[in-house]
Amino acid sequence: EQFIEMTGQPFDMRPAGYLVAVKIYIRPEELKTIKKED
């Protein structure tokens, strides 16, 4: 579902042999929203 949202297609890479396929974590663009005193 996440890959369809990002790319329009599901994650269909199938690693060969003893390999593991991982999606590297990239921090979100929006860090946080803070409320000021006003």
PDB file of all heavy atoms in Angstrom:
ATOM      1  N   GLU A   1       0.832  -1.205   0.000  1.00  0.00           N
ATOM      2  CA  GLU A   1       0.000   0.000   0.000  1.00  0.00           C
ATOM      3  C   GLU A   1       0.868   1.257   0.000  1.00  0.00           C
ATOM      4  O   GLU A   1       0.580   2.221  -0.722  1.00  0.00           O
ATOM      5  CB  GLU A   1      -0.932   0.009   1.212  1.00  0.00           C
ATOM      6  CG  GLU A   1      -2.057  -0.988   1.130  1.00  0.00           C
ATOM      7  CD  GLU A   1      -2.830  -1.123   2.438  1.00  0.00           C
ATOM      8  OE1 GLU A   1      -2.611  -0.309   3.367  1.00  0.00           O
ATOM      9  OE2 GLU A   1      -3.661  -2.039   2.526  1.00  0.00           O
ATOM     10  N   GLN A   2       1.922   1.251   0.811  1.00  0.00           N
ATOM     11  CA  GLN A   2       2.813   2.404   0.874  1.00  0.00           C
ATOM     12  C   GLN A   2       3.523   2.624  -0.470  1.00  0.00           C
ATOM     13  O   GLN A   2       3.668   3.754  -0.926  1.00  0.00           O
ATOM     14  CB  GLN A   2       3.842   2.236   1.994  1.00  0.00           C
ATOM     15  CG  GLN A   2       3.244   2.249   3.383  1.00  0.00           C
ATOM     16  CD  GLN A   2       2.584   3.577   3.699  1.00  0.00           C
ATOM     17  OE1 GLN A   2       3.192   4.621   3.541  1.00  0.00           O
ATOM     18  NE2 GLN A   2       1.336   3.533   4.126  1.00  0.00           N
ATOM     19  N   PHE A   3       3.973   1.542  -1.096  1.00  0.00           N
ATOM     20  CA  PHE A   3       4.639   1.675  -2.390  1.00  0.00           C
ATOM     21  C   PHE A   3       3.666   2.129  -3.472  1.00  0.00           C
ATOM     22  O   PHE A   3       4.030   2.910  -4.349  1.00  0.00           O
ATOM     23  CB  PHE A   3       5.339   0.368  -2.783  1.00  0.00           C
ATOM     24  CG  PHE A   3       6.798   0.372  -2.436  1.00  0.00           C
ATOM     25  CD1 PHE A   3       7.211   0.108  -1.149  1.00  0.00           C
ATOM     26  CD2 PHE A   3       7.757   0.674  -3.389  1.00  0.00           C
ATOM     27  CE1 PHE A   3       8.547   0.141  -0.808  1.00  0.00           C
ATOM     28  CE2 PHE A   3       9.102   0.708  -3.062  1.00  0.00           C
ATOM     29  CZ  PHE A   3       9.503   0.439  -1.775  1.00  0.00           C
ATOM     30  N   ILE A   4       2.443   1.666  -3.435  1.00  0.00           N
ATOM     31  CA  ILE A   4       1.440   2.127  -4.392  1.00  0.00           C
ATOM     32  C   ILE A   4       1.215   3.623  -4.210  1.00  0.00           C
ATOM     33  O   ILE A   4       1.136   4.375  -5.192  1.00  0.00           O
ATOM     34  CB  ILE A   4       0.126   1.326  -4.249  1.00  0.00           C
ATOM     35  CG1 ILE A   4       0.329  -0.104  -4.749  1.00  0.00           C
ATOM     36  CG2 ILE A   4      -1.017   2.011  -4.993  1.00  0.00           C
ATOM     37  CD1 ILE A   4      -0.810  -1.052  -4.421  1.00  0.00           C
ATOM     38  N   GLU A   5       1.160   4.071  -2.965  1.00  0.00           N
ATOM     39  CA  GLU A   5       0.990   5.497  -2.687  1.00  0.00           C
ATOM     40  C   GLU A   5       2.168   6.314  -3.215  1.00  0.00           C
ATOM     41  O   GLU A   5       1.999   7.397  -3.763  1.00  0.00           O
ATOM     42  CB  GLU A   5       0.842   5.702  -1.170  1.00  0.00           C
ATOM     43  CG  GLU A   5       0.424   7.091  -0.763  1.00  0.00           C
ATOM     44  CD  GLU A   5       0.198   7.174   0.726  1.00  0.00           C
ATOM     45  OE1 GLU A   5      -0.654   6.420   1.246  1.00  0.00           O
ATOM     46  OE2 GLU A   5       0.877   7.994   1.377  1.00  0.00           O
ATOM     47  N   MET A   6       3.392   5.787  -3.062  1.00  0.00           N
ATOM     48  CA  MET A   6       4.595   6.510  -3.479  1.00  0.00           C
ATOM     49  C   MET A   6       4.877   6.390  -4.976  1.00  0.00           C
ATOM     50  O   MET A   6       5.376   7.331  -5.582  1.00  0.00           O
ATOM     51  CB  MET A   6       5.820   6.002  -2.704  1.00  0.00           C
ATOM     52  CG  MET A   6       5.820   6.366  -1.242  1.00  0.00           C
ATOM     53  SD  MET A   6       7.350   5.864  -0.405  1.00  0.00           S
ATOM     54  CE  MET A   6       7.186   4.090  -0.358  1.00  0.00           C
ATOM     55  N   THR A   7       4.602   5.218  -5.565  1.00  0.00           N
ATOM     56  CA  THR A   7       5.058   4.957  -6.935  1.00  0.00           C
ATOM     57  C   THR A   7       3.951   4.565  -7.903  1.00  0.00           C
ATOM     58  O   THR A   7       4.201   4.478  -9.102  1.00  0.00           O
ATOM     59  CB  THR A   7       6.098   3.816  -6.943  1.00  0.00           C
ATOM     60  OG1 THR A   7       5.442   2.576  -6.616  1.00  0.00           O
ATOM     61  CG2 THR A   7       7.226   4.062  -5.967  1.00  0.00           C
ATOM     62  N   GLY A   8       2.773   4.248  -7.381  1.00  0.00           N
ATOM     63  CA  GLY A   8       1.696   3.774  -8.241  1.00  0.00           C
ATOM     64  C   GLY A   8       1.706   2.271  -8.446  1.00  0.00           C
ATOM     65  O   GLY A   8       0.832   1.722  -9.102  1.00  0.00           O
ATOM     66  N   GLN A   9       2.716   1.578  -7.871  1.00  0.00           N
ATOM     67  CA  GLN A   9       2.833   0.128  -8.027  1.00  0.00           C
ATOM     68  C   GLN A   9       3.232  -0.507  -6.692  1.00  0.00           C
ATOM     69  O   GLN A   9       3.903   0.126  -5.884  1.00  0.00           O
ATOM     70  CB  GLN A   9       3.903  -0.198  -9.065  1.00  0.00           C
ATOM     71  CG  GLN A   9       3.596   0.350 -10.445  1.00  0.00           C
ATOM     72  CD  GLN A   9       4.712   0.065 -11.406  1.00  0.00           C
ATOM     73  OE1 GLN A   9       5.198  -1.055 -11.491  1.00  0.00           O
ATOM     74  NE2 GLN A   9       5.143   1.076 -12.137  1.00  0.00           N
ATOM     75  N   PRO A  10       2.851  -1.772  -6.471  1.00  0.00           N
ATOM     76  CA  PRO A  10       3.263  -2.447  -5.236  1.00  0.00           C
ATOM     77  C   PRO A  10       4.756  -2.766  -5.256  1.00  0.00           C
ATOM     78  O   PRO A  10       5.403  -2.693  -6.295  1.00  0.00           O
ATOM     79  CB  PRO A  10       2.431  -3.738  -5.228  1.00  0.00           C
ATOM     80  CG  PRO A  10       2.123  -3.982  -6.661  1.00  0.00           C
ATOM     81  CD  PRO A  10       2.034  -2.640  -7.325  1.00  0.00           C
ATOM     82  N   PHE A  11       5.290  -3.101  -4.091  1.00  0.00           N
ATOM     83  CA  PHE A  11       6.691  -3.501  -4.008  1.00  0.00           C
ATOM     84  C   PHE A  11       6.781  -4.936  -4.508  1.00  0.00           C
ATOM     85  O   PHE A  11       6.372  -5.871  -3.832  1.00  0.00           O
ATOM     86  CB  PHE A  11       7.203  -3.417  -2.566  1.00  0.00           C
ATOM     87  CG  PHE A  11       8.673  -3.673  -2.459  1.00  0.00           C
ATOM     88  CD1 PHE A  11       9.577  -2.648  -2.656  1.00  0.00           C
ATOM     89  CD2 PHE A  11       9.166  -4.936  -2.174  1.00  0.00           C
ATOM     90  CE1 PHE A  11      10.943  -2.871  -2.571  1.00  0.00           C
ATOM     91  CE2 PHE A  11      10.521  -5.172  -2.096  1.00  0.00           C
ATOM     92  CZ  PHE A  11      11.414  -4.136  -2.288  1.00  0.00           C
ATOM     93  N   ASP A  12       7.304  -5.110  -5.707  1.00  0.00           N
ATOM     94  CA  ASP A  12       7.378  -6.460  -6.270  1.00  0.00           C
ATOM     95  C   ASP A  12       8.806  -6.922  -6.517  1.00  0.00           C
ATOM     96  O   ASP A  12       9.023  -7.904  -7.221  1.00  0.00           O
ATOM     97  CB  ASP A  12       6.541  -6.562  -7.545  1.00  0.00           C
ATOM     98  CG  ASP A  12       6.978  -5.590  -8.623  1.00  0.00           C
ATOM     99  OD1 ASP A  12       7.942  -4.825  -8.405  1.00  0.00           O
ATOM    100  OD2 ASP A  12       6.339  -5.574  -9.688  1.00  0.00           O
ATOM    101  N   MET A  13       9.782  -6.232  -5.935  1.00  0.00           N
ATOM    102  CA  MET A  13      11.172  -6.696  -6.027  1.00  0.00           C
ATOM    103  C   MET A  13      11.295  -7.963  -5.178  1.00  0.00           C
ATOM    104  O   MET A  13      10.863  -7.982  -4.023  1.00  0.00           O
ATOM    105  CB  MET A  13      12.139  -5.634  -5.500  1.00  0.00           C
ATOM    106  CG  MET A  13      13.593  -6.082  -5.515  1.00  0.00           C
ATOM    107  SD  MET A  13      14.700  -4.918  -4.688  1.00  0.00           S
ATOM    108  CE  MET A  13      14.802  -3.623  -5.880  1.00  0.00           C
ATOM    109  N   ARG A  14      11.876  -8.986  -5.727  1.00  0.00           N
ATOM    110  CA  ARG A  14      12.095 -10.232  -5.000  1.00  0.00           C
ATOM    111  C   ARG A  14      13.586 -10.515  -4.989  1.00  0.00           C
ATOM    112  O   ARG A  14      14.168 -10.875  -6.021  1.00  0.00           O
ATOM    113  CB  ARG A  14      11.334 -11.388  -5.648  1.00  0.00           C
ATOM    114  CG  ARG A  14       9.831 -11.200  -5.633  1.00  0.00           C
ATOM    115  CD  ARG A  14       9.272 -11.190  -4.206  1.00  0.00           C
ATOM    116  NE  ARG A  14       7.911 -10.685  -4.169  1.00  0.00           N
ATOM    117  CZ  ARG A  14       7.531  -9.628  -3.471  1.00  0.00           C
ATOM    118  NH1 ARG A  14       8.398  -8.946  -2.768  1.00  0.00           N
ATOM    119  NH2 ARG A  14       6.281  -9.236  -3.475  1.00  0.00           N
ATOM    120  N   PRO A  15      14.225 -10.345  -3.835  1.00  0.00           N
ATOM    121  CA  PRO A  15      15.675 -10.566  -3.787  1.00  0.00           C
ATOM    122  C   PRO A  15      16.028 -12.023  -4.062  1.00  0.00           C
ATOM    123  O   PRO A  15      15.275 -12.935  -3.719  1.00  0.00           O
ATOM    124  CB  PRO A  15      16.061 -10.173  -2.367  1.00  0.00           C
ATOM    125  CG  PRO A  15      14.798 -10.005  -1.617  1.00  0.00           C
ATOM    126  CD  PRO A  15      13.665  -9.956  -2.573  1.00  0.00           C
ATOM    127  N   ALA A  16      17.170 -12.212  -4.667  1.00  0.00           N
ATOM    128  CA  ALA A  16      17.659 -13.556  -4.978  1.00  0.00           C
ATOM    129  C   ALA A  16      18.439 -14.114  -3.797  1.00  0.00           C
ATOM    130  O   ALA A  16      18.970 -13.367  -2.967  1.00  0.00           O
ATOM    131  CB  ALA A  16      18.553 -13.505  -6.217  1.00  0.00           C
ATOM    132  N   GLY A  17      18.515 -15.425  -3.737  1.00  0.00           N
ATOM    133  CA  GLY A  17      19.371 -16.103  -2.766  1.00  0.00           C
ATOM    134  C   GLY A  17      19.144 -15.674  -1.338  1.00  0.00           C
ATOM    135  O   GLY A  17      18.036 -15.697  -0.831  1.00  0.00           O
ATOM    136  N   TYR A  18      20.221 -15.267  -0.694  1.00  0.00           N
ATOM    137  CA  TYR A  18      20.193 -14.945   0.727  1.00  0.00           C
ATOM    138  C   TYR A  18      20.086 -13.438   0.993  1.00  0.00           C
ATOM    139  O   TYR A  18      20.333 -12.972   2.105  1.00  0.00           O
ATOM    140  CB  TYR A  18      21.454 -15.493   1.411  1.00  0.00           C
ATOM    141  CG  TYR A  18      22.733 -14.940   0.828  1.00  0.00           C
ATOM    142  CD1 TYR A  18      23.290 -13.778   1.317  1.00  0.00           C
ATOM    143  CD2 TYR A  18      23.368 -15.575  -0.231  1.00  0.00           C
ATOM    144  CE1 TYR A  18      24.457 -13.255   0.783  1.00  0.00           C
ATOM    145  CE2 TYR A  18      24.533 -15.077  -0.783  1.00  0.00           C
ATOM    146  CZ  TYR A  18      25.072 -13.911  -0.266  1.00  0.00           C
ATOM    147  OH  TYR A  18      26.219 -13.402  -0.814  1.00  0.00           O
ATOM    148  N   LEU A  19      19.676 -12.673  -0.012  1.00  0.00           N
ATOM    149  CA  LEU A  19      19.605 -11.225   0.150  1.00  0.00           C
ATOM    150  C   LEU A  19      18.290 -10.777   0.773  1.00  0.00           C
ATOM    151  O   LEU A  19      17.254 -11.439   0.640  1.00  0.00           O
ATOM    152  CB  LEU A  19      19.800 -10.530  -1.197  1.00  0.00           C
ATOM    153  CG  LEU A  19      21.167 -10.736  -1.839  1.00  0.00           C
ATOM    154  CD1 LEU A  19      21.210 -10.100  -3.213  1.00  0.00           C
ATOM    155  CD2 LEU A  19      22.271 -10.176  -0.947  1.00  0.00           C
ATOM    156  N   VAL A  20      18.351  -9.628   1.446  1.00  0.00           N
ATOM    157  CA  VAL A  20      17.201  -9.006   2.078  1.00  0.00           C
ATOM    158  C   VAL A  20      17.031  -7.625   1.424  1.00  0.00           C
ATOM    159  O   VAL A  20      17.999  -6.870   1.315  1.00  0.00           O
ATOM    160  CB  VAL A  20      17.424  -8.852   3.604  1.00  0.00           C
ATOM    161  CG1 VAL A  20      16.264  -8.131   4.265  1.00  0.00           C
ATOM    162  CG2 VAL A  20      17.642 -10.218   4.250  1.00  0.00           C
ATOM    163  N   ALA A  21      15.826  -7.317   0.965  1.00  0.00           N
ATOM    164  CA  ALA A  21      15.535  -6.003   0.373  1.00  0.00           C
ATOM    165  C   ALA A  21      14.895  -5.125   1.428  1.00  0.00           C
ATOM    166  O   ALA A  21      13.913  -5.519   2.071  1.00  0.00           O
ATOM    167  CB  ALA A  21      14.600  -6.150  -0.828  1.00  0.00           C
ATOM    168  N   VAL A  22      15.467  -3.934   1.621  1.00  0.00           N
ATOM    169  CA  VAL A  22      14.982  -3.016   2.649  1.00  0.00           C
ATOM    170  C   VAL A  22      14.766  -1.625   2.064  1.00  0.00           C
ATOM    171  O   VAL A  22      15.491  -1.192   1.175  1.00  0.00           O
ATOM    172  CB  VAL A  22      15.952  -2.938   3.847  1.00  0.00           C
ATOM    173  CG1 VAL A  22      16.085  -4.296   4.526  1.00  0.00           C
ATOM    174  CG2 VAL A  22      17.314  -2.414   3.443  1.00  0.00           C
ATOM    175  N   LYS A  23      13.758  -0.934   2.572  1.00  0.00           N
ATOM    176  CA  LYS A  23      13.523   0.465   2.221  1.00  0.00           C
ATOM    177  C   LYS A  23      14.252   1.310   3.250  1.00  0.00           C
ATOM    178  O   LYS A  23      14.017   1.177   4.445  1.00  0.00           O
ATOM    179  CB  LYS A  23      12.035   0.789   2.233  1.00  0.00           C
ATOM    180  CG  LYS A  23      11.736   2.241   1.906  1.00  0.00           C
ATOM    181  CD  LYS A  23      10.276   2.559   2.171  1.00  0.00           C
ATOM    182  CE  LYS A  23      10.009   4.040   2.095  1.00  0.00           C
ATOM    183  NZ  LYS A  23      10.700   4.828   3.114  1.00  0.00           N
ATOM    184  N   ILE A  24      15.134   2.159   2.776  1.00  0.00           N
ATOM    185  CA  ILE A  24      15.902   3.012   3.662  1.00  0.00           C
ATOM    186  C   ILE A  24      14.972   4.058   4.285  1.00  0.00           C
ATOM    187  O   ILE A  24      14.156   4.668   3.591  1.00  0.00           O
ATOM    188  CB  ILE A  24      17.049   3.712   2.894  1.00  0.00           C
ATOM    189  CG1 ILE A  24      17.953   2.676   2.227  1.00  0.00           C
ATOM    190  CG2 ILE A  24      17.835   4.655   3.790  1.00  0.00           C
ATOM    191  CD1 ILE A  24      18.616   1.715   3.170  1.00  0.00           C
ATOM    192  N   TYR A  25      15.116   4.261   5.585  1.00  0.00           N
ATOM    193  CA  TYR A  25      14.301   5.259   6.275  1.00  0.00           C
ATOM    194  C   TYR A  25      14.815   6.659   5.948  1.00  0.00           C
ATOM    195  O   TYR A  25      15.990   6.954   6.095  1.00  0.00           O
ATOM    196  CB  TYR A  25      14.346   5.029   7.784  1.00  0.00           C
ATOM    197  CG  TYR A  25      13.601   6.093   8.556  1.00  0.00           C
ATOM    198  CD1 TYR A  25      12.218   6.170   8.494  1.00  0.00           C
ATOM    199  CD2 TYR A  25      14.278   7.025   9.341  1.00  0.00           C
ATOM    200  CE1 TYR A  25      11.523   7.136   9.191  1.00  0.00           C
ATOM    201  CE2 TYR A  25      13.588   7.996  10.047  1.00  0.00           C
ATOM    202  CZ  TYR A  25      12.210   8.050   9.965  1.00  0.00           C
ATOM    203  OH  TYR A  25      11.530   9.012  10.661  1.00  0.00           O
ATOM    204  N   ILE A  26      13.905   7.489   5.483  1.00  0.00           N
ATOM    205  CA  ILE A  26      14.195   8.894   5.234  1.00  0.00           C
ATOM    206  C   ILE A  26      13.205   9.700   6.075  1.00  0.00           C
ATOM    207  O   ILE A  26      11.983   9.482   5.991  1.00  0.00           O
ATOM    208  CB  ILE A  26      14.061   9.239   3.737  1.00  0.00           C
ATOM    209  CG1 ILE A  26      15.082   8.416   2.951  1.00  0.00           C
ATOM    210  CG2 ILE A  26      14.253  10.733   3.510  1.00  0.00           C
ATOM    211  CD1 ILE A  26      14.980   8.550   1.460  1.00  0.00           C
ATOM    212  N   ARG A  27      13.748  10.575   6.884  1.00  0.00           N
ATOM    213  CA  ARG A  27      12.899  11.350   7.791  1.00  0.00           C
ATOM    214  C   ARG A  27      11.836  12.118   7.019  1.00  0.00           C
ATOM    215  O   ARG A  27      12.062  12.556   5.902  1.00  0.00           O
ATOM    216  CB  ARG A  27      13.747  12.333   8.602  1.00  0.00           C
ATOM    217  CG  ARG A  27      14.655  11.627   9.587  1.00  0.00           C
ATOM    218  CD  ARG A  27      15.577  12.583  10.251  1.00  0.00           C
ATOM    219  NE  ARG A  27      16.669  12.901   9.320  1.00  0.00           N
ATOM    220  CZ  ARG A  27      17.710  13.642   9.627  1.00  0.00           C
ATOM    221  NH1 ARG A  27      17.816  14.176  10.821  1.00  0.00           N
ATOM    222  NH2 ARG A  27      18.665  13.865   8.744  1.00  0.00           N
ATOM    223  N   PRO A  28      10.666  12.291   7.645  1.00  0.00           N
ATOM    224  CA  PRO A  28       9.608  13.040   6.966  1.00  0.00           C
ATOM    225  C   PRO A  28      10.015  14.503   6.770  1.00  0.00           C
ATOM    226  O   PRO A  28      10.805  15.046   7.536  1.00  0.00           O
ATOM    227  CB  PRO A  28       8.408  12.926   7.916  1.00  0.00           C
ATOM    228  CG  PRO A  28       8.935  12.408   9.196  1.00  0.00           C
ATOM    229  CD  PRO A  28      10.268  11.804   8.946  1.00  0.00           C
ATOM    230  N   GLU A  29       9.432  15.102   5.741  1.00  0.00           N
ATOM    231  CA  GLU A  29       9.733  16.504   5.440  1.00  0.00           C
ATOM    232  C   GLU A  29       9.324  17.403   6.606  1.00  0.00           C
ATOM    233  O   GLU A  29      10.048  18.299   7.008  1.00  0.00           O
ATOM    234  CB  GLU A  29       8.998  16.918   4.171  1.00  0.00           C
ATOM    235  CG  GLU A  29       9.196  18.356   3.792  1.00  0.00           C
ATOM    236  CD  GLU A  29       8.412  18.740   2.553  1.00  0.00           C
ATOM    237  OE1 GLU A  29       7.430  18.068   2.206  1.00  0.00           O
ATOM    238  OE2 GLU A  29       8.802  19.726   1.939  1.00  0.00           O
ATOM    239  N   GLU A  30       8.140  17.145   7.152  1.00  0.00           N
ATOM    240  CA  GLU A  30       7.634  17.958   8.242  1.00  0.00           C
ATOM    241  C   GLU A  30       8.106  17.373   9.565  1.00  0.00           C
ATOM    242  O   GLU A  30       7.784  16.233   9.904  1.00  0.00           O
ATOM    243  CB  GLU A  30       6.107  17.982   8.194  1.00  0.00           C
ATOM    244  CG  GLU A  30       5.480  18.911   9.203  1.00  0.00           C
ATOM    245  CD  GLU A  30       3.974  18.963   9.050  1.00  0.00           C
ATOM    246  OE1 GLU A  30       3.489  19.156   7.918  1.00  0.00           O
ATOM    247  OE2 GLU A  30       3.299  18.797  10.076  1.00  0.00           O
ATOM    248  N   LEU A  31       8.910  18.150  10.299  1.00  0.00           N
ATOM    249  CA  LEU A  31       9.433  17.666  11.571  1.00  0.00           C
ATOM    250  C   LEU A  31       8.384  17.728  12.664  1.00  0.00           C
ATOM    251  O   LEU A  31       8.077  16.743  13.320  1.00  0.00           O
ATOM    252  CB  LEU A  31      10.656  18.480  12.002  1.00  0.00           C
ATOM    253  CG  LEU A  31      11.958  18.152  11.328  1.00  0.00           C
ATOM    254  CD1 LEU A  31      13.058  19.062  11.843  1.00  0.00           C
ATOM    255  CD2 LEU A  31      12.343  16.711  11.566  1.00  0.00           C
ATOM    256  N   LYS A  32       7.863  18.921  12.897  1.00  0.00           N
ATOM    257  CA  LYS A  32       6.834  19.069  13.921  1.00  0.00           C
ATOM    258  C   LYS A  32       6.199  20.443  13.803  1.00  0.00           C
ATOM    259  O   LYS A  32       6.737  21.357  13.186  1.00  0.00           O
ATOM    260  CB  LYS A  32       7.414  18.860  15.314  1.00  0.00           C
ATOM    261  CG  LYS A  32       8.468  19.865  15.736  1.00  0.00           C
ATOM    262  CD  LYS A  32       8.963  19.543  17.136  1.00  0.00           C
ATOM    263  CE  LYS A  32      10.215  20.341  17.457  1.00  0.00           C
ATOM    264  NZ  LYS A  32      10.702  20.056  18.777  1.00  0.00           N
ATOM    265  N   THR A  33       5.043  20.565  14.426  1.00  0.00           N
ATOM    266  CA  THR A  33       4.352  21.838  14.502  1.00  0.00           C
ATOM    267  C   THR A  33       4.333  22.257  15.963  1.00  0.00           C
ATOM    268  O   THR A  33       3.986  21.460  16.834  1.00  0.00           O
ATOM    269  CB  THR A  33       2.921  21.719  13.946  1.00  0.00           C
ATOM    270  OG1 THR A  33       3.010  21.301  12.578  1.00  0.00           O
ATOM    271  CG2 THR A  33       2.182  23.022  14.035  1.00  0.00           C
ATOM    272  N   ILE A  34       4.753  23.476  16.212  1.00  0.00           N
ATOM    273  CA  ILE A  34       4.759  23.983  17.585  1.00  0.00           C
ATOM    274  C   ILE A  34       3.778  25.141  17.701  1.00  0.00           C
ATOM    275  O   ILE A  34       3.571  25.897  16.747  1.00  0.00           O
ATOM    276  CB  ILE A  34       6.174  24.407  18.040  1.00  0.00           C
ATOM    277  CG1 ILE A  34       6.781  25.430  17.078  1.00  0.00           C
ATOM    278  CG2 ILE A  34       7.080  23.222  18.188  1.00  0.00           C
ATOM    279  CD1 ILE A  34       8.103  25.990  17.536  1.00  0.00           C
ATOM    280  N   LYS A  35       3.180  25.262  18.863  1.00  0.00           N
ATOM    281  CA  LYS A  35       2.228  26.333  19.119  1.00  0.00           C
ATOM    282  C   LYS A  35       2.943  27.413  19.915  1.00  0.00           C
ATOM    283  O   LYS A  35       3.506  27.143  20.975  1.00  0.00           O
ATOM    284  CB  LYS A  35       1.021  25.800  19.881  1.00  0.00           C
ATOM    285  CG  LYS A  35      -0.154  26.697  19.885  1.00  0.00           C
ATOM    286  CD  LYS A  35      -1.377  25.996  20.423  1.00  0.00           C
ATOM    287  CE  LYS A  35      -2.590  26.707  19.887  1.00  0.00           C
ATOM    288  NZ  LYS A  35      -3.783  25.930  20.147  1.00  0.00           N
ATOM    289  N   LYS A  36       2.918  28.621  19.391  1.00  0.00           N
ATOM    290  CA  LYS A  36       3.550  29.742  20.064  1.00  0.00           C
ATOM    291  C   LYS A  36       2.617  30.290  21.137  1.00  0.00           C
ATOM    292  O   LYS A  36       1.425  29.962  21.179  1.00  0.00           O
ATOM    293  CB  LYS A  36       3.907  30.818  19.035  1.00  0.00           C
ATOM    294  CG  LYS A  36       4.965  30.344  18.050  1.00  0.00           C
ATOM    295  CD  LYS A  36       5.258  31.253  16.890  1.00  0.00           C
ATOM    296  CE  LYS A  36       5.186  32.713  17.111  1.00  0.00           C
ATOM    297  NZ  LYS A  36       5.571  33.526  15.949  1.00  0.00           N
ATOM    298  N   GLU A  37       3.166  31.113  22.016  1.00  0.00           N
ATOM    299  CA  GLU A  37       2.384  31.667  23.118  1.00  0.00           C
ATOM    300  C   GLU A  37       1.191  32.477  22.646  1.00  0.00           C
ATOM    301  O   GLU A  37       0.163  32.536  23.322  1.00  0.00           O
ATOM    302  CB  GLU A  37       3.285  32.531  24.015  1.00  0.00           C
ATOM    303  CG  GLU A  37       4.270  31.710  24.818  1.00  0.00           C
ATOM    304  CD  GLU A  37       5.139  32.573  25.710  1.00  0.00           C
ATOM    305  OE1 GLU A  37       4.802  33.741  25.956  1.00  0.00           O
ATOM    306  OE2 GLU A  37       6.168  32.055  26.180  1.00  0.00           O
ATOM    307  N   ASP A  38       1.295  33.098  21.483  1.00  0.00           N
ATOM    308  CA  ASP A  38       0.182  33.916  20.976  1.00  0.00           C
ATOM    309  C   ASP A  38      -0.899  33.076  20.297  1.00  0.00           C
ATOM    310  O   ASP A  38      -1.855  33.601  19.744  1.00  0.00           O
ATOM    311  CB  ASP A  38       0.698  34.999  20.030  1.00  0.00           C
ATOM    312  CG  ASP A  38       1.314  34.430  18.755  1.00  0.00           C
ATOM    313  OD1 ASP A  38       1.299  33.207  18.565  1.00  0.00           O
ATOM    314  OD2 ASP A  38       1.824  35.239  17.945  1.00  0.00           O
TER     315      ASP A  38
END
